[in-house]
Protein backbone atom coordinates (compact mmCIF):
# COMPACT_ATOMS: atom_id res chain seq x y z
CA UNK A 1 99.91 95.48 91.14
CA UNK A 2 100.96 96.07 94.75
CA UNK A 3 97.81 96.48 96.85
CA UNK A 4 97.63 97.24 100.57
CA UNK A 5 94.36 96.59 102.43
CA UNK A 6 94.01 97.73 106.03
CA UNK A 7 91.78 95.81 108.41
CA UNK A 8 91.94 92.69 106.26
CA UNK A 9 91.95 89.73 108.66
CA UNK A 10 88.16 89.36 108.41
CA UNK A 11 85.06 90.93 106.87
CA UNK A 12 85.12 92.71 103.54
CA UNK A 13 88.84 93.45 103.85
CA UNK A 14 89.67 89.75 103.84
CA UNK A 15 87.16 88.99 101.09
CA UNK A 16 88.55 91.63 98.74
CA UNK A 17 92.05 90.42 99.57
CA UNK A 18 91.08 86.96 98.33
CA UNK A 19 89.55 88.39 95.15
CA UNK A 20 92.66 90.41 94.38
CA UNK A 21 95.00 87.51 95.19
CA UNK A 22 93.02 85.27 92.82
CA UNK A 23 93.83 87.74 90.04
CA UNK A 24 97.55 87.46 90.75
CA UNK A 25 98.14 90.80 92.45
CA UNK A 26 100.70 91.24 95.21
CA UNK A 27 98.45 91.68 98.24
CA UNK A 28 99.58 93.20 101.52
CA UNK A 29 97.23 92.59 104.42
CA UNK A 30 97.04 94.41 107.75
CA UNK A 31 95.76 93.35 111.15
CA UNK A 32 96.13 94.10 114.85
CA UNK A 33 97.00 90.56 115.92
CA UNK A 34 100.10 88.95 114.42
CA UNK A 35 98.94 85.38 115.01
CA UNK A 36 95.57 85.99 113.34
CA UNK A 37 97.23 87.91 110.50
CA UNK A 38 99.72 85.12 109.80
CA UNK A 39 96.88 82.61 109.74
CA UNK A 40 94.92 84.68 107.20
CA UNK A 41 98.02 85.15 105.03
CA UNK A 42 98.51 81.36 104.97
CA UNK A 43 94.82 80.76 104.25
CA UNK A 44 94.78 83.13 101.28
CA UNK A 45 98.03 81.73 99.88
CA UNK A 46 96.58 78.22 100.02
CA UNK A 47 93.17 79.18 98.66
CA UNK A 48 94.41 81.32 95.76
CA UNK A 49 97.76 79.60 94.98
CA UNK A 50 99.29 83.06 95.12
CA UNK A 51 102.48 83.23 97.18
CA UNK A 52 102.76 87.01 96.88
CA UNK A 53 100.80 87.70 100.07
CA UNK A 54 102.33 89.43 103.07
CA UNK A 55 101.05 90.94 106.30
CA UNK A 56 101.84 94.02 108.39
CA UNK A 57 100.85 94.42 112.03
CA UNK A 58 99.66 97.58 113.78
CA UNK A 59 96.95 98.60 116.21
CA UNK A 60 95.37 101.52 114.37
CA UNK A 61 94.26 103.12 117.63
CA UNK A 62 97.99 103.62 118.34
CA UNK A 63 99.30 106.21 115.91
CA UNK A 64 102.90 105.44 116.87
CA UNK A 65 102.30 101.84 115.80
CA UNK A 66 100.85 103.06 112.50
CA UNK A 67 103.98 105.09 111.83
CA UNK A 68 106.17 102.11 112.70
CA UNK A 69 104.21 99.99 110.23
CA UNK A 70 104.78 102.54 107.48
CA UNK A 71 108.55 102.25 108.03
CA UNK A 72 108.31 98.50 107.45
CA UNK A 73 106.20 99.03 104.32
CA UNK A 74 108.75 101.50 102.93
CA UNK A 75 111.49 98.92 103.39
CA UNK A 76 109.52 96.19 101.59
CA UNK A 77 107.77 98.01 98.73
CA UNK A 78 109.25 99.99 95.85
CA UNK A 79 105.81 101.33 94.87
CA UNK A 80 102.16 101.08 95.94
CA UNK A 81 99.49 100.91 93.24
CA UNK A 82 96.38 100.73 95.43
CA UNK A 83 95.68 101.51 99.07
CA UNK A 84 92.32 100.41 100.49
CA UNK A 85 91.70 102.09 103.85
CA UNK A 86 89.24 99.55 105.18
CA UNK A 87 90.18 99.30 108.88
CA UNK A 88 87.43 100.66 111.09
CA UNK A 89 85.92 100.52 114.55
CA UNK A 90 82.47 101.23 115.98
CA UNK A 91 82.23 99.58 119.38
CA UNK A 92 85.31 99.60 121.57
CA UNK A 93 86.12 98.53 125.13
CA UNK A 94 87.81 101.93 125.58
CA UNK A 95 86.33 105.22 124.41
CA UNK A 96 89.75 106.85 123.96
CA UNK A 97 93.20 105.71 122.88
CA UNK A 98 96.43 106.14 124.86
CA UNK A 99 96.75 109.71 123.61
CA UNK A 100 93.28 110.68 124.85
CA UNK A 101 91.73 110.73 121.37
CA UNK A 102 88.37 109.20 120.53
CA UNK A 103 88.85 105.60 119.32
CA UNK A 104 86.66 106.04 116.25
CA UNK A 105 88.42 109.20 115.15
CA UNK A 106 91.81 107.57 115.77
CA UNK A 107 91.14 104.35 113.85
CA UNK A 108 88.72 105.53 111.15
CA UNK A 109 90.30 108.85 110.26
CA UNK A 110 93.61 109.77 111.90
CA UNK A 111 95.30 106.42 111.23
CA UNK A 112 94.55 106.42 107.48
CA UNK A 113 95.49 110.11 107.29
CA UNK A 114 98.89 109.32 108.83
CA UNK A 115 99.27 106.18 106.72
CA UNK A 116 98.83 108.07 103.46
CA UNK A 117 101.00 110.96 104.61
CA UNK A 118 103.84 108.49 105.16
CA UNK A 119 103.26 106.39 102.03
CA UNK A 120 102.38 109.11 99.53
CA UNK A 121 105.68 108.87 97.68
CA UNK A 122 105.24 105.10 97.19
CA UNK A 123 101.84 105.79 95.64
CA UNK A 124 103.32 108.43 93.35
CA UNK A 125 105.78 105.85 92.02
CA UNK A 126 102.88 103.81 90.60
CA UNK A 127 101.61 104.47 87.08
CA UNK A 128 97.95 105.04 88.01
CA UNK A 129 97.71 104.93 91.80
CA UNK A 130 94.39 104.69 93.60
CA UNK A 131 93.26 105.30 97.17
CA UNK A 132 89.93 103.84 98.27
CA UNK A 133 88.72 105.27 101.59
CA UNK A 134 85.92 103.47 103.42
CA UNK A 135 83.26 106.03 104.25
CA UNK A 136 79.71 105.27 105.38
CA UNK A 137 76.10 106.29 104.87
CA UNK A 138 76.46 107.66 108.42
CA UNK A 139 78.12 111.09 108.15
CA UNK A 140 77.75 113.85 110.75
CA UNK A 141 79.29 117.33 111.13
CA UNK A 142 82.57 117.33 113.03
CA UNK A 143 82.67 118.51 116.63
CA UNK A 144 86.23 119.77 117.11
CA UNK A 145 86.13 119.33 120.87
CA UNK A 146 85.49 115.64 120.19
CA UNK A 147 88.10 115.38 117.43
CA UNK A 148 90.77 116.83 119.71
CA UNK A 149 89.79 114.61 122.63
CA UNK A 150 88.35 117.33 124.89
CA UNK A 151 84.78 115.98 124.84
CA UNK A 152 83.18 112.56 124.46
CA UNK A 153 80.10 111.52 122.54
CA UNK A 154 78.33 108.24 121.81
CA UNK A 155 79.87 105.58 119.55
CA UNK A 156 77.29 106.23 116.83
CA UNK A 157 77.88 109.97 116.81
CA UNK A 158 81.67 109.82 116.75
CA UNK A 159 81.61 107.03 114.15
CA UNK A 160 79.52 109.21 111.82
CA UNK A 161 81.79 112.20 112.45
CA UNK A 162 84.91 110.15 111.74
CA UNK A 163 83.44 108.93 108.44
CA UNK A 164 82.58 112.45 107.34
CA UNK A 165 86.13 113.52 108.25
CA UNK A 166 87.52 110.73 106.06
CA UNK A 167 85.27 111.78 103.20
CA UNK A 168 86.18 115.47 103.50
CA UNK A 169 89.85 114.59 103.52
CA UNK A 170 89.41 112.28 100.52
CA UNK A 171 88.08 115.17 98.46
CA UNK A 172 90.92 117.41 99.68
CA UNK A 173 93.48 114.76 98.76
CA UNK A 174 91.99 114.36 95.29
CA UNK A 175 92.49 118.10 94.66
CA UNK A 176 95.96 118.43 96.17
CA UNK A 177 97.35 115.18 94.69
CA UNK A 178 95.97 115.09 91.13
CA UNK A 179 98.26 112.21 90.14
CA UNK A 180 96.43 109.93 92.59
CA UNK A 181 92.82 108.87 92.12
CA UNK A 182 90.95 109.05 95.42
CA UNK A 183 87.45 107.67 95.97
CA UNK A 184 85.44 107.59 99.20
CA UNK A 185 82.95 104.73 99.30
CA UNK A 186 80.07 103.61 101.43
CA UNK A 187 80.49 99.85 100.84
CA UNK A 188 76.89 99.20 101.91
CA UNK A 189 74.86 99.70 105.06
CA UNK A 190 74.77 96.96 107.69
CA UNK A 191 76.82 94.39 105.82
CA UNK A 192 77.33 90.99 107.44
CA UNK A 193 80.64 91.77 109.17
CA UNK A 194 81.90 91.36 112.72
CA UNK A 195 81.94 95.13 113.33
CA UNK A 196 78.33 95.53 112.20
CA UNK A 197 77.01 92.51 114.07
CA UNK A 198 78.82 93.55 117.27
CA UNK A 199 77.41 97.07 116.98
CA UNK A 200 73.85 96.38 115.83
CA UNK A 201 73.22 92.66 116.29
CA UNK A 202 71.84 92.39 112.75
CA UNK A 203 72.75 92.87 109.10
CA UNK A 204 70.98 93.70 105.85
CA UNK A 205 73.34 92.44 103.14
CA UNK A 206 76.19 89.98 102.64
CA UNK A 207 79.78 91.09 103.11
CA UNK A 208 80.38 90.15 99.46
CA UNK A 209 78.41 93.26 98.43
CA UNK A 210 81.10 95.43 100.02
CA UNK A 211 84.02 93.31 98.83
CA UNK A 212 82.78 93.39 95.24
CA UNK A 213 82.64 97.18 95.05
CA UNK A 214 86.05 97.54 96.70
CA UNK A 215 87.47 95.16 94.11
CA UNK A 216 85.90 97.11 91.23
CA UNK A 217 87.00 100.51 92.52
CA UNK A 218 90.53 99.18 93.04
CA UNK A 219 91.27 97.57 89.69
CA UNK A 220 88.49 98.12 87.13
CA UNK A 221 89.34 100.35 84.17
CA UNK A 222 85.89 101.91 84.62
CA UNK A 223 87.23 103.83 87.63
CA UNK A 224 90.85 104.46 86.64
CA UNK A 225 90.23 108.15 85.88
CA UNK A 226 87.71 108.89 88.64
CA UNK A 227 88.80 110.97 91.62
CA UNK A 228 87.30 113.18 94.29
CA UNK A 229 83.95 111.42 94.31
CA UNK A 230 81.77 109.48 96.74
CA UNK A 231 80.38 106.09 95.72
CA UNK A 232 77.24 105.03 97.58
CA UNK A 233 76.94 101.26 97.28
CA UNK A 234 73.46 101.34 98.82
CA UNK A 235 72.43 102.98 95.54
CA UNK A 236 75.09 101.33 93.38
CA UNK A 237 76.29 104.63 91.96
CA UNK A 238 78.21 107.82 92.67
CA UNK A 239 76.19 110.17 94.84
CA UNK A 240 76.38 113.30 96.95
CA UNK A 241 78.16 113.00 100.27
CA UNK A 242 77.34 115.21 103.28
CA UNK A 243 77.34 118.93 102.30
CA UNK A 244 80.33 119.62 104.58
CA UNK A 245 82.46 117.43 102.30
CA UNK A 246 82.21 120.16 99.63
CA UNK A 247 82.79 123.14 101.95
CA UNK A 248 86.36 124.35 101.44
CA UNK A 249 86.41 126.42 104.63
CA UNK A 250 85.36 123.44 106.73
CA UNK A 251 87.74 121.12 104.90
CA UNK A 252 90.69 123.47 105.48
CA UNK A 253 89.82 123.70 109.18
CA UNK A 254 89.76 119.91 109.38
CA UNK A 255 93.14 119.53 107.66
CA UNK A 256 94.76 122.22 109.83
CA UNK A 257 93.38 120.70 113.04
CA UNK A 258 94.44 117.21 111.97
CA UNK A 259 97.99 118.35 111.27
CA UNK A 260 98.18 119.88 114.77
CA UNK A 261 96.90 116.67 116.38
CA UNK A 262 99.45 114.53 114.55
CA UNK A 263 102.28 116.97 115.34
CA UNK A 264 101.68 116.82 119.10
């Protein structure tokens, strides 16, 4: 299978990339830094003896760069079986991107939204395509002044809002694209990753906990017919997401607002 993992030069993205490469899949990694990405591609090739590993570069806070990356993917891939939207940010040296949008909304929600919009036809070419969107136990109602870049809030608040937005959109996508299985997943709270340690200075569980569930959701037959659900890996089962994720009025407002942001 062709599998694209965003944010895969370290943390659970890299770990699941190794697991998938070991099973012989064609794995496409993504990172912000070309030198680091090339190094990880070489490492995984050597470790897994799988030569079918390639990398794509884009800074996900730059939506123009995301779109450019999708053009390169379209040139290289004839289909996409699995997309794991793992790239995420909590702390950032800048609160907003070059377009004046909150960094967490840009990276955690708008970039994957744009990515899937551009790659949807590659996913539809696969026999049983899957999208795995990285949500979080932290989910908070969306403030539209923040989403559109007119107000600023703390990192924690905008992170939680961005993760709820991703979850709401996942459920919308599952309904509007029934040929694609879409699952939102909290991979586990405070896993031992760079993002978590930078943000909180501590962790509760190993990064392997997150990588293992991403691997299972991506390729296991147990999940091949599951769509429009939220998997909470803190509990090890499917669970209820934030109530807003099931509110059609709020979901439609989010999708409409998102389309306007990306059209500007």
